[in-house]
Every structure is written in C-alpha cells, then in structure tokens.
Amino acid sequence: LHEAGTLVFGVGVIWLLSLGVFWRTDALRRFFIALMVSWLLYTT
C-alpha cells in the first residue's frame, strides 16, 4: 500500500508541477504533457 501510495503521490506531483511550469502554455497542451509523463511513470 505504501509503494502504491508513493506512485499515486508522484503522479499527483507531476500534474501539479505541470500547471506551474507550463502555466503560460494553453490548457490542452499542459494536460497532454502531464498525461504523457504520468503514463511513462505508470508503465515503469
């Protein structure tokens, strides 16, 4: 459970950071970046 929690927390941080780092980028592009990075984390 703790390992799974670390994974979920990490994905949440990715989504939060993507908002801050790419704030000047349009919303759809930010969403795409966060989803792709999260997917790579999930599949590894």
PDB file of all heavy atoms in Angstrom:
ATOM      1  N   LEU A   1       0.833  -1.203   0.000  1.00  0.00           N
ATOM      2  CA  LEU A   1       0.000   0.000   0.000  1.00  0.00           C
ATOM      3  C   LEU A   1       0.867   1.252   0.000  1.00  0.00           C
ATOM      4  O   LEU A   1       0.573   2.225  -0.698  1.00  0.00           O
ATOM      5  CB  LEU A   1      -0.928  -0.004   1.213  1.00  0.00           C
ATOM      6  CG  LEU A   1      -1.798   1.249   1.410  1.00  0.00           C
ATOM      7  CD1 LEU A   1      -2.696   1.478   0.200  1.00  0.00           C
ATOM      8  CD2 LEU A   1      -2.635   1.122   2.680  1.00  0.00           C
ATOM      9  N   HIS A   2       1.939   1.231   0.757  1.00  0.00           N
ATOM     10  CA  HIS A   2       2.821   2.397   0.818  1.00  0.00           C
ATOM     11  C   HIS A   2       3.516   2.631  -0.526  1.00  0.00           C
ATOM     12  O   HIS A   2       3.685   3.779  -0.945  1.00  0.00           O
ATOM     13  CB  HIS A   2       3.849   2.209   1.931  1.00  0.00           C
ATOM     14  CG  HIS A   2       3.232   2.067   3.288  1.00  0.00           C
ATOM     15  ND1 HIS A   2       3.899   1.529   4.364  1.00  0.00           N
ATOM     16  CD2 HIS A   2       1.985   2.378   3.748  1.00  0.00           C
ATOM     17  CE1 HIS A   2       3.110   1.533   5.424  1.00  0.00           C
ATOM     18  NE2 HIS A   2       1.930   2.029   5.070  1.00  0.00           N
ATOM     19  N   GLU A   3       3.908   1.551  -1.188  1.00  0.00           N
ATOM     20  CA  GLU A   3       4.513   1.688  -2.516  1.00  0.00           C
ATOM     21  C   GLU A   3       3.519   2.291  -3.505  1.00  0.00           C
ATOM     22  O   GLU A   3       3.862   3.197  -4.273  1.00  0.00           O
ATOM     23  CB  GLU A   3       4.981   0.324  -3.029  1.00  0.00           C
ATOM     24  CG  GLU A   3       6.264  -0.181  -2.406  1.00  0.00           C
ATOM     25  CD  GLU A   3       6.710  -1.484  -3.027  1.00  0.00           C
ATOM     26  OE1 GLU A   3       5.844  -2.247  -3.502  1.00  0.00           O
ATOM     27  OE2 GLU A   3       7.916  -1.744  -3.042  1.00  0.00           O
ATOM     28  N   ALA A   4       2.291   1.765  -3.471  1.00  0.00           N
ATOM     29  CA  ALA A   4       1.259   2.299  -4.365  1.00  0.00           C
ATOM     30  C   ALA A   4       0.972   3.759  -4.039  1.00  0.00           C
ATOM     31  O   ALA A   4       0.754   4.583  -4.940  1.00  0.00           O
ATOM     32  CB  ALA A   4      -0.015   1.463  -4.262  1.00  0.00           C
ATOM     33  N   GLY A   5       0.987   4.102  -2.751  1.00  0.00           N
ATOM     34  CA  GLY A   5       0.779   5.492  -2.364  1.00  0.00           C
ATOM     35  C   GLY A   5       1.865   6.406  -2.892  1.00  0.00           C
ATOM     36  O   GLY A   5       1.586   7.544  -3.317  1.00  0.00           O
ATOM     37  N   THR A   6       3.097   5.923  -2.885  1.00  0.00           N
ATOM     38  CA  THR A   6       4.208   6.714  -3.438  1.00  0.00           C
ATOM     39  C   THR A   6       4.002   6.969  -4.923  1.00  0.00           C
ATOM     40  O   THR A   6       4.239   8.078  -5.428  1.00  0.00           O
ATOM     41  CB  THR A   6       5.540   5.985  -3.207  1.00  0.00           C
ATOM     42  OG1 THR A   6       5.741   5.803  -1.797  1.00  0.00           O
ATOM     43  CG2 THR A   6       6.705   6.783  -3.781  1.00  0.00           C
ATOM     44  N   LEU A   7       3.544   5.941  -5.640  1.00  0.00           N
ATOM     45  CA  LEU A   7       3.288   6.096  -7.070  1.00  0.00           C
ATOM     46  C   LEU A   7       2.190   7.133  -7.309  1.00  0.00           C
ATOM     47  O   LEU A   7       2.353   8.041  -8.139  1.00  0.00           O
ATOM     48  CB  LEU A   7       2.884   4.755  -7.680  1.00  0.00           C
ATOM     49  CG  LEU A   7       2.410   4.781  -9.138  1.00  0.00           C
ATOM     50  CD1 LEU A   7       3.548   5.190 -10.055  1.00  0.00           C
ATOM     51  CD2 LEU A   7       1.844   3.421  -9.548  1.00  0.00           C
ATOM     52  N   VAL A   8       1.069   7.005  -6.593  1.00  0.00           N
ATOM     53  CA  VAL A   8      -0.045   7.926  -6.791  1.00  0.00           C
ATOM     54  C   VAL A   8       0.364   9.345  -6.406  1.00  0.00           C
ATOM     55  O   VAL A   8       0.028  10.315  -7.103  1.00  0.00           O
ATOM     56  CB  VAL A   8      -1.269   7.454  -5.974  1.00  0.00           C
ATOM     57  CG1 VAL A   8      -2.393   8.484  -6.043  1.00  0.00           C
ATOM     58  CG2 VAL A   8      -1.766   6.104  -6.480  1.00  0.00           C
ATOM     59  N   PHE A   9       1.089   9.487  -5.309  1.00  0.00           N
ATOM     60  CA  PHE A   9       1.561  10.812  -4.886  1.00  0.00           C
ATOM     61  C   PHE A   9       2.475  11.411  -5.955  1.00  0.00           C
ATOM     62  O   PHE A   9       2.364  12.605  -6.287  1.00  0.00           O
ATOM     63  CB  PHE A   9       2.316  10.690  -3.555  1.00  0.00           C
ATOM     64  CG  PHE A   9       2.809  12.003  -3.013  1.00  0.00           C
ATOM     65  CD1 PHE A   9       1.985  12.793  -2.234  1.00  0.00           C
ATOM     66  CD2 PHE A   9       4.095  12.453  -3.296  1.00  0.00           C
ATOM     67  CE1 PHE A   9       2.431  14.012  -1.729  1.00  0.00           C
ATOM     68  CE2 PHE A   9       4.548  13.668  -2.808  1.00  0.00           C
ATOM     69  CZ  PHE A   9       3.722  14.445  -2.026  1.00  0.00           C
ATOM     70  N   GLY A  10       3.366  10.588  -6.516  1.00  0.00           N
ATOM     71  CA  GLY A  10       4.269  11.078  -7.559  1.00  0.00           C
ATOM     72  C   GLY A  10       3.529  11.559  -8.786  1.00  0.00           C
ATOM     73  O   GLY A  10       3.873  12.597  -9.373  1.00  0.00           O
ATOM     74  N   VAL A  11       2.493  10.820  -9.176  1.00  0.00           N
ATOM     75  CA  VAL A  11       1.701  11.242 -10.339  1.00  0.00           C
ATOM     76  C   VAL A  11       0.987  12.557 -10.027  1.00  0.00           C
ATOM     77  O   VAL A  11       0.917  13.460 -10.871  1.00  0.00           O
ATOM     78  CB  VAL A  11       0.685  10.144 -10.718  1.00  0.00           C
ATOM     79  CG1 VAL A  11      -0.264  10.648 -11.809  1.00  0.00           C
ATOM     80  CG2 VAL A  11       1.410   8.891 -11.198  1.00  0.00           C
ATOM     81  N   GLY A  12       0.484  12.691  -8.797  1.00  0.00           N
ATOM     82  CA  GLY A  12      -0.160  13.950  -8.417  1.00  0.00           C
ATOM     83  C   GLY A  12       0.792  15.124  -8.474  1.00  0.00           C
ATOM     84  O   GLY A  12       0.418  16.226  -8.923  1.00  0.00           O
ATOM     85  N   VAL A  13       2.027  14.914  -8.034  1.00  0.00           N
ATOM     86  CA  VAL A  13       3.040  15.977  -8.101  1.00  0.00           C
ATOM     87  C   VAL A  13       3.324  16.354  -9.557  1.00  0.00           C
ATOM     88  O   VAL A  13       3.490  17.535  -9.882  1.00  0.00           O
ATOM     89  CB  VAL A  13       4.331  15.537  -7.381  1.00  0.00           C
ATOM     90  CG1 VAL A  13       5.469  16.525  -7.652  1.00  0.00           C
ATOM     91  CG2 VAL A  13       4.079  15.418  -5.884  1.00  0.00           C
ATOM     92  N   ILE A  14       3.365  15.360 -10.435  1.00  0.00           N
ATOM     93  CA  ILE A  14       3.577  15.638 -11.865  1.00  0.00           C
ATOM     94  C   ILE A  14       2.474  16.555 -12.392  1.00  0.00           C
ATOM     95  O   ILE A  14       2.742  17.530 -13.103  1.00  0.00           O
ATOM     96  CB  ILE A  14       3.624  14.322 -12.658  1.00  0.00           C
ATOM     97  CG1 ILE A  14       4.932  13.580 -12.370  1.00  0.00           C
ATOM     98  CG2 ILE A  14       3.478  14.585 -14.163  1.00  0.00           C
ATOM     99  CD1 ILE A  14       4.972  12.175 -12.934  1.00  0.00           C
ATOM    100  N   TRP A  15       1.230  16.253 -12.043  1.00  0.00           N
ATOM    101  CA  TRP A  15       0.120  17.080 -12.524  1.00  0.00           C
ATOM    102  C   TRP A  15       0.180  18.487 -11.939  1.00  0.00           C
ATOM    103  O   TRP A  15      -0.125  19.465 -12.619  1.00  0.00           O
ATOM    104  CB  TRP A  15      -1.210  16.400 -12.187  1.00  0.00           C
ATOM    105  CG  TRP A  15      -1.510  15.279 -13.134  1.00  0.00           C
ATOM    106  CD1 TRP A  15      -1.020  14.008 -13.074  1.00  0.00           C
ATOM    107  CD2 TRP A  15      -2.329  15.335 -14.297  1.00  0.00           C
ATOM    108  NE1 TRP A  15      -1.486  13.263 -14.128  1.00  0.00           N
ATOM    109  CE2 TRP A  15      -2.291  14.052 -14.899  1.00  0.00           C
ATOM    110  CE3 TRP A  15      -3.093  16.326 -14.889  1.00  0.00           C
ATOM    111  CZ2 TRP A  15      -2.987  13.752 -16.063  1.00  0.00           C
ATOM    112  CZ3 TRP A  15      -3.803  16.028 -16.056  1.00  0.00           C
ATOM    113  CH2 TRP A  15      -3.743  14.757 -16.624  1.00  0.00           C
ATOM    114  N   LEU A  16       0.599  18.587 -10.685  1.00  0.00           N
ATOM    115  CA  LEU A  16       0.696  19.900 -10.063  1.00  0.00           C
ATOM    116  C   LEU A  16       1.848  20.709 -10.657  1.00  0.00           C
ATOM    117  O   LEU A  16       1.694  21.905 -10.972  1.00  0.00           O
ATOM    118  CB  LEU A  16       0.884  19.744  -8.552  1.00  0.00           C
ATOM    119  CG  LEU A  16       0.755  21.015  -7.709  1.00  0.00           C
ATOM    120  CD1 LEU A  16      -0.635  21.641  -7.881  1.00  0.00           C
ATOM    121  CD2 LEU A  16       1.004  20.702  -6.237  1.00  0.00           C
ATOM    122  N   LEU A  17       3.011  20.076 -10.846  1.00  0.00           N
ATOM    123  CA  LEU A  17       4.166  20.769 -11.417  1.00  0.00           C
ATOM    124  C   LEU A  17       3.896  21.214 -12.853  1.00  0.00           C
ATOM    125  O   LEU A  17       4.347  22.282 -13.273  1.00  0.00           O
ATOM    126  CB  LEU A  17       5.394  19.864 -11.379  1.00  0.00           C
ATOM    127  CG  LEU A  17       6.059  19.670 -10.014  1.00  0.00           C
ATOM    128  CD1 LEU A  17       7.203  18.663 -10.124  1.00  0.00           C
ATOM    129  CD2 LEU A  17       6.570  21.002  -9.476  1.00  0.00           C
ATOM    130  N   SER A  18       3.161  20.388 -13.592  1.00  0.00           N
ATOM    131  CA  SER A  18       2.883  20.744 -14.988  1.00  0.00           C
ATOM    132  C   SER A  18       2.083  22.044 -15.069  1.00  0.00           C
ATOM    133  O   SER A  18       2.235  22.817 -16.023  1.00  0.00           O
ATOM    134  CB  SER A  18       2.143  19.609 -15.695  1.00  0.00           C
ATOM    135  OG  SER A  18       0.869  19.388 -15.102  1.00  0.00           O
ATOM    136  N   LEU A  19       1.240  22.296 -14.076  1.00  0.00           N
ATOM    137  CA  LEU A  19       0.492  23.558 -14.053  1.00  0.00           C
ATOM    138  C   LEU A  19       1.420  24.742 -13.823  1.00  0.00           C
ATOM    139  O   LEU A  19       1.295  25.791 -14.463  1.00  0.00           O
ATOM    140  CB  LEU A  19      -0.572  23.523 -12.956  1.00  0.00           C
ATOM    141  CG  LEU A  19      -1.919  22.896 -13.302  1.00  0.00           C
ATOM    142  CD1 LEU A  19      -2.802  22.846 -12.060  1.00  0.00           C
ATOM    143  CD2 LEU A  19      -2.616  23.657 -14.410  1.00  0.00           C
ATOM    144  N   GLY A  20       2.361  24.570 -12.883  1.00  0.00           N
ATOM    145  CA  GLY A  20       3.257  25.683 -12.572  1.00  0.00           C
ATOM    146  C   GLY A  20       4.284  25.939 -13.659  1.00  0.00           C
ATOM    147  O   GLY A  20       4.491  27.081 -14.087  1.00  0.00           O
ATOM    148  N   VAL A  21       4.916  24.872 -14.136  1.00  0.00           N
ATOM    149  CA  VAL A  21       5.994  25.023 -15.131  1.00  0.00           C
ATOM    150  C   VAL A  21       5.444  25.502 -16.468  1.00  0.00           C
ATOM    151  O   VAL A  21       6.076  26.314 -17.154  1.00  0.00           O
ATOM    152  CB  VAL A  21       6.742  23.685 -15.289  1.00  0.00           C
ATOM    153  CG1 VAL A  21       7.778  23.780 -16.413  1.00  0.00           C
ATOM    154  CG2 VAL A  21       7.424  23.298 -13.980  1.00  0.00           C
ATOM    155  N   PHE A  22       4.278  25.007 -16.850  1.00  0.00           N
ATOM    156  CA  PHE A  22       3.729  25.325 -18.170  1.00  0.00           C
ATOM    157  C   PHE A  22       2.487  26.213 -18.059  1.00  0.00           C
ATOM    158  O   PHE A  22       1.553  26.097 -18.850  1.00  0.00           O
ATOM    159  CB  PHE A  22       3.392  24.029 -18.923  1.00  0.00           C
ATOM    160  CG  PHE A  22       4.553  23.091 -19.055  1.00  0.00           C
ATOM    161  CD1 PHE A  22       4.555  21.868 -18.396  1.00  0.00           C
ATOM    162  CD2 PHE A  22       5.654  23.441 -19.814  1.00  0.00           C
ATOM    163  CE1 PHE A  22       5.621  21.004 -18.503  1.00  0.00           C
ATOM    164  CE2 PHE A  22       6.729  22.572 -19.930  1.00  0.00           C
ATOM    165  CZ  PHE A  22       6.721  21.353 -19.274  1.00  0.00           C
ATOM    166  N   TRP A  23       2.497  27.097 -17.072  1.00  0.00           N
ATOM    167  CA  TRP A  23       1.319  27.933 -16.848  1.00  0.00           C
ATOM    168  C   TRP A  23       0.999  28.812 -18.052  1.00  0.00           C
ATOM    169  O   TRP A  23      -0.164  29.081 -18.340  1.00  0.00           O
ATOM    170  CB  TRP A  23       1.530  28.803 -15.605  1.00  0.00           C
ATOM    171  CG  TRP A  23       0.354  29.669 -15.300  1.00  0.00           C
ATOM    172  CD1 TRP A  23       0.238  31.013 -15.480  1.00  0.00           C
ATOM    173  CD2 TRP A  23      -0.903  29.233 -14.794  1.00  0.00           C
ATOM    174  NE1 TRP A  23      -1.002  31.455 -15.110  1.00  0.00           N
ATOM    175  CE2 TRP A  23      -1.741  30.372 -14.683  1.00  0.00           C
ATOM    176  CE3 TRP A  23      -1.427  27.987 -14.416  1.00  0.00           C
ATOM    177  CZ2 TRP A  23      -3.037  30.290 -14.206  1.00  0.00           C
ATOM    178  CZ3 TRP A  23      -2.726  27.923 -13.953  1.00  0.00           C
ATOM    179  CH2 TRP A  23      -3.514  29.063 -13.853  1.00  0.00           C
ATOM    180  N   ARG A  24       2.015  29.270 -18.754  1.00  0.00           N
ATOM    181  CA  ARG A  24       1.777  30.155 -19.904  1.00  0.00           C
ATOM    182  C   ARG A  24       1.394  29.379 -21.164  1.00  0.00           C
ATOM    183  O   ARG A  24       1.082  29.976 -22.191  1.00  0.00           O
ATOM    184  CB  ARG A  24       3.026  30.993 -20.182  1.00  0.00           C
ATOM    185  CG  ARG A  24       3.364  31.971 -19.058  1.00  0.00           C
ATOM    186  CD  ARG A  24       4.586  32.801 -19.421  1.00  0.00           C
ATOM    187  NE  ARG A  24       4.927  33.730 -18.361  1.00  0.00           N
ATOM    188  CZ  ARG A  24       4.396  34.936 -18.218  1.00  0.00           C
ATOM    189  NH1 ARG A  24       3.489  35.345 -19.084  1.00  0.00           N
ATOM    190  NH2 ARG A  24       4.764  35.717 -17.225  1.00  0.00           N
ATOM    191  N   THR A  25       1.436  28.060 -21.067  1.00  0.00           N
ATOM    192  CA  THR A  25       1.027  27.221 -22.194  1.00  0.00           C
ATOM    193  C   THR A  25      -0.482  27.000 -22.137  1.00  0.00           C
ATOM    194  O   THR A  25      -1.085  27.049 -21.064  1.00  0.00           O
ATOM    195  CB  THR A  25       1.754  25.864 -22.116  1.00  0.00           C
ATOM    196  OG1 THR A  25       3.158  26.094 -22.033  1.00  0.00           O
ATOM    197  CG2 THR A  25       1.461  25.009 -23.331  1.00  0.00           C
ATOM    198  N   ASP A  26      -1.108  26.745 -23.287  1.00  0.00           N
ATOM    199  CA  ASP A  26      -2.558  26.564 -23.267  1.00  0.00           C
ATOM    200  C   ASP A  26      -2.930  25.308 -22.494  1.00  0.00           C
ATOM    201  O   ASP A  26      -2.141  24.371 -22.345  1.00  0.00           O
ATOM    202  CB  ASP A  26      -3.118  26.529 -24.692  1.00  0.00           C
ATOM    203  CG  ASP A  26      -2.717  25.282 -25.457  1.00  0.00           C
ATOM    204  OD1 ASP A  26      -3.331  24.236 -25.236  1.00  0.00           O
ATOM    205  OD2 ASP A  26      -1.770  25.364 -26.274  1.00  0.00           O
ATOM    206  N   ALA A  27      -4.160  25.290 -21.992  1.00  0.00           N
ATOM    207  CA  ALA A  27      -4.611  24.264 -21.054  1.00  0.00           C
ATOM    208  C   ALA A  27      -4.533  22.860 -21.641  1.00  0.00           C
ATOM    209  O   ALA A  27      -4.162  21.904 -20.950  1.00  0.00           O
ATOM    210  CB  ALA A  27      -6.040  24.573 -20.607  1.00  0.00           C
ATOM    211  N   LEU A  28      -4.888  22.719 -22.913  1.00  0.00           N
ATOM    212  CA  LEU A  28      -4.906  21.398 -23.536  1.00  0.00           C
ATOM    213  C   LEU A  28      -3.491  20.834 -23.641  1.00  0.00           C
ATOM    214  O   LEU A  28      -3.267  19.644 -23.418  1.00  0.00           O
ATOM    215  CB  LEU A  28      -5.548  21.493 -24.916  1.00  0.00           C
ATOM    216  CG  LEU A  28      -6.043  20.194 -25.544  1.00  0.00           C
ATOM    217  CD1 LEU A  28      -7.072  19.516 -24.650  1.00  0.00           C
ATOM    218  CD2 LEU A  28      -6.628  20.453 -26.915  1.00  0.00           C
ATOM    219  N   ARG A  29      -2.527  21.699 -23.946  1.00  0.00           N
ATOM    220  CA  ARG A  29      -1.143  21.248 -24.064  1.00  0.00           C
ATOM    221  C   ARG A  29      -0.588  20.833 -22.705  1.00  0.00           C
ATOM    222  O   ARG A  29       0.128  19.841 -22.581  1.00  0.00           O
ATOM    223  CB  ARG A  29      -0.294  22.360 -24.685  1.00  0.00           C
ATOM    224  CG  ARG A  29       0.949  21.868 -25.395  1.00  0.00           C
ATOM    225  CD  ARG A  29       1.590  23.003 -26.188  1.00  0.00           C
ATOM    226  NE  ARG A  29       0.684  23.483 -27.225  1.00  0.00           N
ATOM    227  CZ  ARG A  29       0.908  24.564 -27.948  1.00  0.00           C
ATOM    228  NH1 ARG A  29       2.000  25.293 -27.736  1.00  0.00           N
ATOM    229  NH2 ARG A  29       0.050  24.937 -28.887  1.00  0.00           N
ATOM    230  N   ARG A  30      -0.913  21.605 -21.656  1.00  0.00           N
ATOM    231  CA  ARG A  30      -0.490  21.238 -20.305  1.00  0.00           C
ATOM    232  C   ARG A  30      -1.049  19.868 -19.919  1.00  0.00           C
ATOM    233  O   ARG A  30      -0.349  19.031 -19.343  1.00  0.00           O
ATOM    234  CB  ARG A  30      -0.994  22.271 -19.288  1.00  0.00           C
ATOM    235  CG  ARG A  30      -0.248  23.570 -19.240  1.00  0.00           C
ATOM    236  CD  ARG A  30      -0.554  24.300 -17.928  1.00  0.00           C
ATOM    237  NE  ARG A  30      -1.979  24.493 -17.712  1.00  0.00           N
ATOM    238  CZ  ARG A  30      -2.648  25.596 -18.030  1.00  0.00           C
ATOM    239  NH1 ARG A  30      -2.009  26.613 -18.599  1.00  0.00           N
ATOM    240  NH2 ARG A  30      -3.936  25.699 -17.783  1.00  0.00           N
ATOM    241  N   PHE A  31      -2.315  19.664 -20.227  1.00  0.00           N
ATOM    242  CA  PHE A  31      -2.975  18.406 -19.903  1.00  0.00           C
ATOM    243  C   PHE A  31      -2.276  17.245 -20.607  1.00  0.00           C
ATOM    244  O   PHE A  31      -2.036  16.186 -20.019  1.00  0.00           O
ATOM    245  CB  PHE A  31      -4.450  18.478 -20.314  1.00  0.00           C
ATOM    246  CG  PHE A  31      -5.324  17.455 -19.662  1.00  0.00           C
ATOM    247  CD1 PHE A  31      -5.970  17.730 -18.472  1.00  0.00           C
ATOM    248  CD2 PHE A  31      -5.507  16.211 -20.235  1.00  0.00           C
ATOM    249  CE1 PHE A  31      -6.787  16.783 -17.863  1.00  0.00           C
ATOM    250  CE2 PHE A  31      -6.308  15.257 -19.641  1.00  0.00           C
ATOM    251  CZ  PHE A  31      -6.962  15.541 -18.452  1.00  0.00           C
ATOM    252  N   PHE A  32      -1.928  17.461 -21.859  1.00  0.00           N
ATOM    253  CA  PHE A  32      -1.264  16.421 -22.650  1.00  0.00           C
ATOM    254  C   PHE A  32       0.094  16.071 -22.050  1.00  0.00           C
ATOM    255  O   PHE A  32       0.443  14.889 -21.903  1.00  0.00           O
ATOM    256  CB  PHE A  32      -1.100  16.897 -24.099  1.00  0.00           C
ATOM    257  CG  PHE A  32      -0.495  15.866 -25.010  1.00  0.00           C
ATOM    258  CD1 PHE A  32      -1.283  14.911 -25.621  1.00  0.00           C
ATOM    259  CD2 PHE A  32       0.872  15.852 -25.267  1.00  0.00           C
ATOM    260  CE1 PHE A  32      -0.734  13.955 -26.455  1.00  0.00           C
ATOM    261  CE2 PHE A  32       1.434  14.911 -26.098  1.00  0.00           C
ATOM    262  CZ  PHE A  32       0.627  13.956 -26.702  1.00  0.00           C
ATOM    263  N   ILE A  33       0.879  17.086 -21.688  1.00  0.00           N
ATOM    264  CA  ILE A  33       2.209  16.845 -21.116  1.00  0.00           C
ATOM    265  C   ILE A  33       2.102  16.059 -19.814  1.00  0.00           C
ATOM    266  O   ILE A  33       2.826  15.075 -19.599  1.00  0.00           O
ATOM    267  CB  ILE A  33       2.939  18.187 -20.883  1.00  0.00           C
ATOM    268  CG1 ILE A  33       3.258  18.847 -22.215  1.00  0.00           C
ATOM    269  CG2 ILE A  33       4.217  17.973 -20.071  1.00  0.00           C
ATOM    270  CD1 ILE A  33       3.748  20.280 -22.078  1.00  0.00           C
ATOM    271  N   ALA A  34       1.197  16.478 -18.936  1.00  0.00           N
ATOM    272  CA  ALA A  34       1.032  15.784 -17.656  1.00  0.00           C
ATOM    273  C   ALA A  34       0.614  14.334 -17.858  1.00  0.00           C
ATOM    274  O   ALA A  34       1.107  13.418 -17.177  1.00  0.00           O
ATOM    275  CB  ALA A  34       0.000  16.512 -16.797  1.00  0.00           C
ATOM    276  N   LEU A  35      -0.289  14.096 -18.819  1.00  0.00           N
ATOM    277  CA  LEU A  35      -0.771  12.744 -19.065  1.00  0.00           C
ATOM    278  C   LEU A  35       0.341  11.852 -19.605  1.00  0.00           C
ATOM    279  O   LEU A  35       0.496  10.697 -19.181  1.00  0.00           O
ATOM    280  CB  LEU A  35      -1.945  12.780 -20.040  1.00  0.00           C
ATOM    281  CG  LEU A  35      -2.642  11.434 -20.300  1.00  0.00           C
ATOM    282  CD1 LEU A  35      -3.282  10.915 -19.025  1.00  0.00           C
ATOM    283  CD2 LEU A  35      -3.687  11.569 -21.401  1.00  0.00           C
ATOM    284  N   MET A  36       1.147  12.355 -20.531  1.00  0.00           N
ATOM    285  CA  MET A  36       2.209  11.544 -21.122  1.00  0.00           C
ATOM    286  C   MET A  36       3.277  11.192 -20.084  1.00  0.00           C
ATOM    287  O   MET A  36       3.741  10.043 -20.018  1.00  0.00           O
ATOM    288  CB  MET A  36       2.847  12.279 -22.305  1.00  0.00           C
ATOM    289  CG  MET A  36       1.920  12.510 -23.491  1.00  0.00           C
ATOM    290  SD  MET A  36       1.192  11.014 -24.218  1.00  0.00           S
ATOM    291  CE  MET A  36      -0.514  11.164 -23.669  1.00  0.00           C
ATOM    292  N   VAL A  37       3.692  12.170 -19.275  1.00  0.00           N
ATOM    293  CA  VAL A  37       4.705  11.887 -18.251  1.00  0.00           C
ATOM    294  C   VAL A  37       4.153  10.898 -17.223  1.00  0.00           C
ATOM    295  O   VAL A  37       4.856   9.971 -16.792  1.00  0.00           O
ATOM    296  CB  VAL A  37       5.166  13.194 -17.564  1.00  0.00           C
ATOM    297  CG1 VAL A  37       6.150  12.894 -16.436  1.00  0.00           C
ATOM    298  CG2 VAL A  37       5.813  14.131 -18.577  1.00  0.00           C
ATOM    299  N   SER A  38       2.899  11.071 -16.836  1.00  0.00           N
ATOM    300  CA  SER A  38       2.273  10.147 -15.885  1.00  0.00           C
ATOM    301  C   SER A  38       2.216   8.737 -16.453  1.00  0.00           C
ATOM    302  O   SER A  38       2.446   7.747 -15.738  1.00  0.00           O
ATOM    303  CB  SER A  38       0.855  10.625 -15.538  1.00  0.00           C
ATOM    304  OG  SER A  38       0.880  11.904 -14.958  1.00  0.00           O
ATOM    305  N   TRP A  39       1.923   8.645 -17.730  1.00  0.00           N
ATOM    306  CA  TRP A  39       1.838   7.325 -18.371  1.00  0.00           C
ATOM    307  C   TRP A  39       3.192   6.617 -18.349  1.00  0.00           C
ATOM    308  O   TRP A  39       3.271   5.422 -18.065  1.00  0.00           O
ATOM    309  CB  TRP A  39       1.326   7.472 -19.801  1.00  0.00           C
ATOM    310  CG  TRP A  39       1.240   6.167 -20.531  1.00  0.00           C
ATOM    311  CD1 TRP A  39       2.067   5.714 -21.518  1.00  0.00           C
ATOM    312  CD2 TRP A  39       0.278   5.124 -20.324  1.00  0.00           C
ATOM    313  NE1 TRP A  39       1.677   4.458 -21.928  1.00  0.00           N
ATOM    314  CE2 TRP A  39       0.580   4.080 -21.219  1.00  0.00           C
ATOM    315  CE3 TRP A  39      -0.812   4.991 -19.475  1.00  0.00           C
ATOM    316  CZ2 TRP A  39      -0.163   2.914 -21.272  1.00  0.00           C
ATOM    317  CZ3 TRP A  39      -1.556   3.816 -19.533  1.00  0.00           C
ATOM    318  CH2 TRP A  39      -1.233   2.805 -20.422  1.00  0.00           C
ATOM    319  N   LEU A  40       4.275   7.359 -18.616  1.00  0.00           N
ATOM    320  CA  LEU A  40       5.607   6.758 -18.582  1.00  0.00           C
ATOM    321  C   LEU A  40       5.956   6.295 -17.170  1.00  0.00           C
ATOM    322  O   LEU A  40       6.587   5.238 -16.995  1.00  0.00           O
ATOM    323  CB  LEU A  40       6.647   7.762 -19.083  1.00  0.00           C
ATOM    324  CG  LEU A  40       6.581   8.100 -20.579  1.00  0.00           C
ATOM    325  CD1 LEU A  40       7.601   9.172 -20.924  1.00  0.00           C
ATOM    326  CD2 LEU A  40       6.820   6.856 -21.426  1.00  0.00           C
ATOM    327  N   LEU A  41       5.569   7.055 -16.169  1.00  0.00           N
ATOM    328  CA  LEU A  41       5.823   6.646 -14.786  1.00  0.00           C
ATOM    329  C   LEU A  41       5.030   5.390 -14.444  1.00  0.00           C
ATOM    330  O   LEU A  41       5.548   4.464 -13.798  1.00  0.00           O
ATOM    331  CB  LEU A  41       5.447   7.786 -13.837  1.00  0.00           C
ATOM    332  CG  LEU A  41       5.748   7.550 -12.349  1.00  0.00           C
ATOM    333  CD1 LEU A  41       7.243   7.408 -12.123  1.00  0.00           C
ATOM    334  CD2 LEU A  41       5.187   8.691 -11.493  1.00  0.00           C
ATOM    335  N   TYR A  42       3.778   5.343 -14.892  1.00  0.00           N
ATOM    336  CA  TYR A  42       2.935   4.180 -14.610  1.00  0.00           C
ATOM    337  C   TYR A  42       3.475   2.918 -15.273  1.00  0.00           C
ATOM    338  O   TYR A  42       3.479   1.837 -14.670  1.00  0.00           O
ATOM    339  CB  TYR A  42       1.506   4.453 -15.084  1.00  0.00           C
ATOM    340  CG  TYR A  42       0.614   3.237 -15.061  1.00  0.00           C
ATOM    341  CD1 TYR A  42       0.177   2.689 -13.856  1.00  0.00           C
ATOM    342  CD2 TYR A  42       0.220   2.619 -16.245  1.00  0.00           C
ATOM    343  CE1 TYR A  42      -0.629   1.560 -13.833  1.00  0.00           C
ATOM    344  CE2 TYR A  42      -0.590   1.497 -16.237  1.00  0.00           C
ATOM    345  CZ  TYR A  42      -1.003   0.972 -15.028  1.00  0.00           C
ATOM    346  OH  TYR A  42      -1.794  -0.154 -15.016  1.00  0.00           O
ATOM    347  N   THR A  43       3.931   3.024 -16.521  1.00  0.00           N
ATOM    348  CA  THR A  43       4.376   1.835 -17.258  1.00  0.00           C
ATOM    349  C   THR A  43       5.791   1.405 -16.886  1.00  0.00           C
ATOM    350  O   THR A  43       6.298   0.429 -17.460  1.00  0.00           O
ATOM    351  CB  THR A  43       4.299   2.081 -18.774  1.00  0.00           C
ATOM    352  OG1 THR A  43       5.032   3.262 -19.114  1.00  0.00           O
ATOM    353  CG2 THR A  43       2.854   2.242 -19.210  1.00  0.00           C
ATOM    354  N   THR A  44       6.423   2.084 -15.982  1.00  0.00           N
ATOM    355  CA  THR A  44       7.744   1.659 -15.500  1.00  0.00           C
ATOM    356  C   THR A  44       7.654   1.337 -14.007  1.00  0.00           C
ATOM    357  O   THR A  44       7.513   0.187 -13.623  1.00  0.00           O
ATOM    358  CB  THR A  44       8.799   2.747 -15.780  1.00  0.00           C
ATOM    359  OG1 THR A  44       8.298   4.027 -15.324  1.00  0.00           O
ATOM    360  CG2 THR A  44       9.079   2.862 -17.269  1.00  0.00           C
TER     361      THR A  44
END
